[in-house]
C-alpha atoms as a PDB file:
ATOM      1  CA  MET A   1     166.175  71.010  39.329  1.00  0.00           C
ATOM      2  CA  THR A   2     165.414  67.488  38.123  1.00  0.00           C
ATOM      3  CA  LEU A   3     166.343  64.499  40.266  1.00  0.00           C
ATOM      4  CA  VAL A   4     167.825  61.354  38.751  1.00  0.00           C
ATOM      5  CA  ASN A   5     165.572  58.302  38.863  1.00  0.00           C
ATOM      6  CA  PRO A   6     166.886  55.639  41.224  1.00  0.00           C
ATOM      7  CA  PRO A   7     167.042  52.028  39.973  1.00  0.00           C
ATOM      8  CA  SER A   8     164.516  51.159  42.679  1.00  0.00           C
ATOM      9  CA  LEU A   9     162.521  52.692  45.506  1.00  0.00           C
ATOM     10  CA  VAL A  10     161.033  50.997  48.566  1.00  0.00           C
ATOM     11  CA  LEU A  11     157.836  52.421  50.018  1.00  0.00           C
ATOM     12  CA  ASN A  12     155.836  50.677  52.747  1.00  0.00           C
ATOM     13  CA  GLY A  13     157.574  47.384  52.029  1.00  0.00           C
ATOM     14  CA  VAL A  14     156.846  47.467  48.291  1.00  0.00           C
ATOM     15  CA  GLU A  15     159.844  47.870  45.985  1.00  0.00           C
ATOM     16  CA  PHE A  16     159.445  49.736  42.718  1.00  0.00           C
ATOM     17  CA  ASP A  17     162.076  48.288  40.364  1.00  0.00           C
ATOM     18  CA  PHE A  18     162.305  50.855  37.571  1.00  0.00           C
ATOM     19  CA  ASP A  19     164.888  48.972  35.525  1.00  0.00           C
ATOM     20  CA  ALA A  20     162.744  45.827  35.386  1.00  0.00           C
ATOM     21  CA  GLY A  21     159.399  47.660  35.323  1.00  0.00           C
ATOM     22  CA  LEU A  22     158.103  45.637  38.277  1.00  0.00           C
ATOM     23  CA  LEU A  23     156.637  46.041  41.709  1.00  0.00           C
ATOM     24  CA  HIS A  24     158.066  43.566  44.221  1.00  0.00           C
ATOM     25  CA  GLY A  25     155.313  43.056  46.779  1.00  0.00           C
ATOM     26  CA  LYS A  26     155.635  42.528  50.505  1.00  0.00           C
ATOM     27  CA  ASP A  27     155.034  38.787  50.062  1.00  0.00           C
ATOM     28  CA  GLY A  28     157.629  38.463  47.300  1.00  0.00           C
ATOM     29  CA  GLU A  29     155.215  38.511  44.380  1.00  0.00           C
ATOM     30  CA  ASP A  30     156.226  40.419  41.264  1.00  0.00           C
ATOM     31  CA  VAL A  31     153.655  42.681  39.642  1.00  0.00           C
ATOM     32  CA  PRO A  32     154.533  43.961  36.167  1.00  0.00           C
ATOM     33  CA  LEU A  33     153.786  47.632  35.528  1.00  0.00           C
ATOM     34  CA  ARG A  34     152.279  48.931  32.306  1.00  0.00           C
ATOM     35  CA  PRO A  35     154.675  51.277  30.500  1.00  0.00           C
ATOM     36  CA  GLN A  36     152.508  54.332  31.209  1.00  0.00           C
ATOM     37  CA  SER A  37     152.220  53.488  34.919  1.00  0.00           C
ATOM     38  CA  LEU A  38     155.989  53.165  35.121  1.00  0.00           C
ATOM     39  CA  ALA A  39     156.430  56.473  33.274  1.00  0.00           C
ATOM     40  CA  VAL A  40     154.064  58.260  35.692  1.00  0.00           C
ATOM     41  CA  LEU A  41     155.948  56.919  38.717  1.00  0.00           C
ATOM     42  CA  LYS A  42     159.322  57.864  37.244  1.00  0.00           C
ATOM     43  CA  HIS A  43     158.168  61.386  36.416  1.00  0.00           C
ATOM     44  CA  LEU A  44     156.699  61.952  39.881  1.00  0.00           C
ATOM     45  CA  ILE A  45     159.864  60.723  41.589  1.00  0.00           C
ATOM     46  CA  ALA A  46     162.115  62.758  39.306  1.00  0.00           C
ATOM     47  CA  ASN A  47     160.084  65.848  40.214  1.00  0.00           C
ATOM     48  CA  ALA A  48     159.468  65.083  43.884  1.00  0.00           C
ATOM     49  CA  ASN A  49     160.633  68.560  44.886  1.00  0.00           C
ATOM     50  CA  ARG A  50     157.651  70.294  43.233  1.00  0.00           C
ATOM     51  CA  VAL A  51     153.987  69.976  42.377  1.00  0.00           C
ATOM     52  CA  VAL A  52     153.422  68.140  39.094  1.00  0.00           C
ATOM     53  CA  THR A  53     150.270  69.154  37.291  1.00  0.00           C
ATOM     54  CA  LYS A  54     147.811  66.801  35.667  1.00  0.00           C
ATOM     55  CA  ASP A  55     148.455  68.451  32.297  1.00  0.00           C
ATOM     56  CA  GLU A  56     152.204  67.977  32.670  1.00  0.00           C
ATOM     57  CA  LEU A  57     151.743  64.284  33.399  1.00  0.00           C
ATOM     58  CA  LEU A  58     149.432  63.844  30.433  1.00  0.00           C
ATOM     59  CA  ASP A  59     151.874  65.697  28.148  1.00  0.00           C
ATOM     60  CA  THR A  60     154.872  63.748  29.450  1.00  0.00           C
ATOM     61  CA  VAL A  61     153.440  60.237  29.493  1.00  0.00           C
ATOM     62  CA  TRP A  62     151.119  60.523  26.489  1.00  0.00           C
ATOM     63  CA  PRO A  63     152.772  63.158  24.262  1.00  0.00           C
ATOM     64  CA  GLY A  64     150.687  64.105  21.261  1.00  0.00           C
ATOM     65  CA  ILE A  65     147.970  61.582  22.131  1.00  0.00           C
ATOM     66  CA  ALA A  66     144.470  62.608  23.145  1.00  0.00           C
ATOM     67  CA  VAL A  67     143.669  60.801  26.414  1.00  0.00           C
ATOM     68  CA  THR A  68     141.192  61.493  29.181  1.00  0.00           C
ATOM     69  CA  GLU A  69     141.989  62.299  32.800  1.00  0.00           C
ATOM     70  CA  ASN A  70     140.867  58.767  33.659  1.00  0.00           C
ATOM     71  CA  SER A  71     144.114  57.532  32.124  1.00  0.00           C
ATOM     72  CA  LEU A  72     145.908  58.878  35.173  1.00  0.00           C
END
């Protein structure tokens, strides 16, 4: 089962705005997310009901591209 990504998620006072690709900090500052960081967050939230492997994340976020584990 795959969950639908919400438009935003609040965790410990920080809002993840997936539509805008931003973090809204506790003090109101906006922090833009890199596309890969946003993709990792979206994939983890969409699959929150199961363990997501490192290889799955690499294949999902960087398909067909050779990257190291440090990219995560």
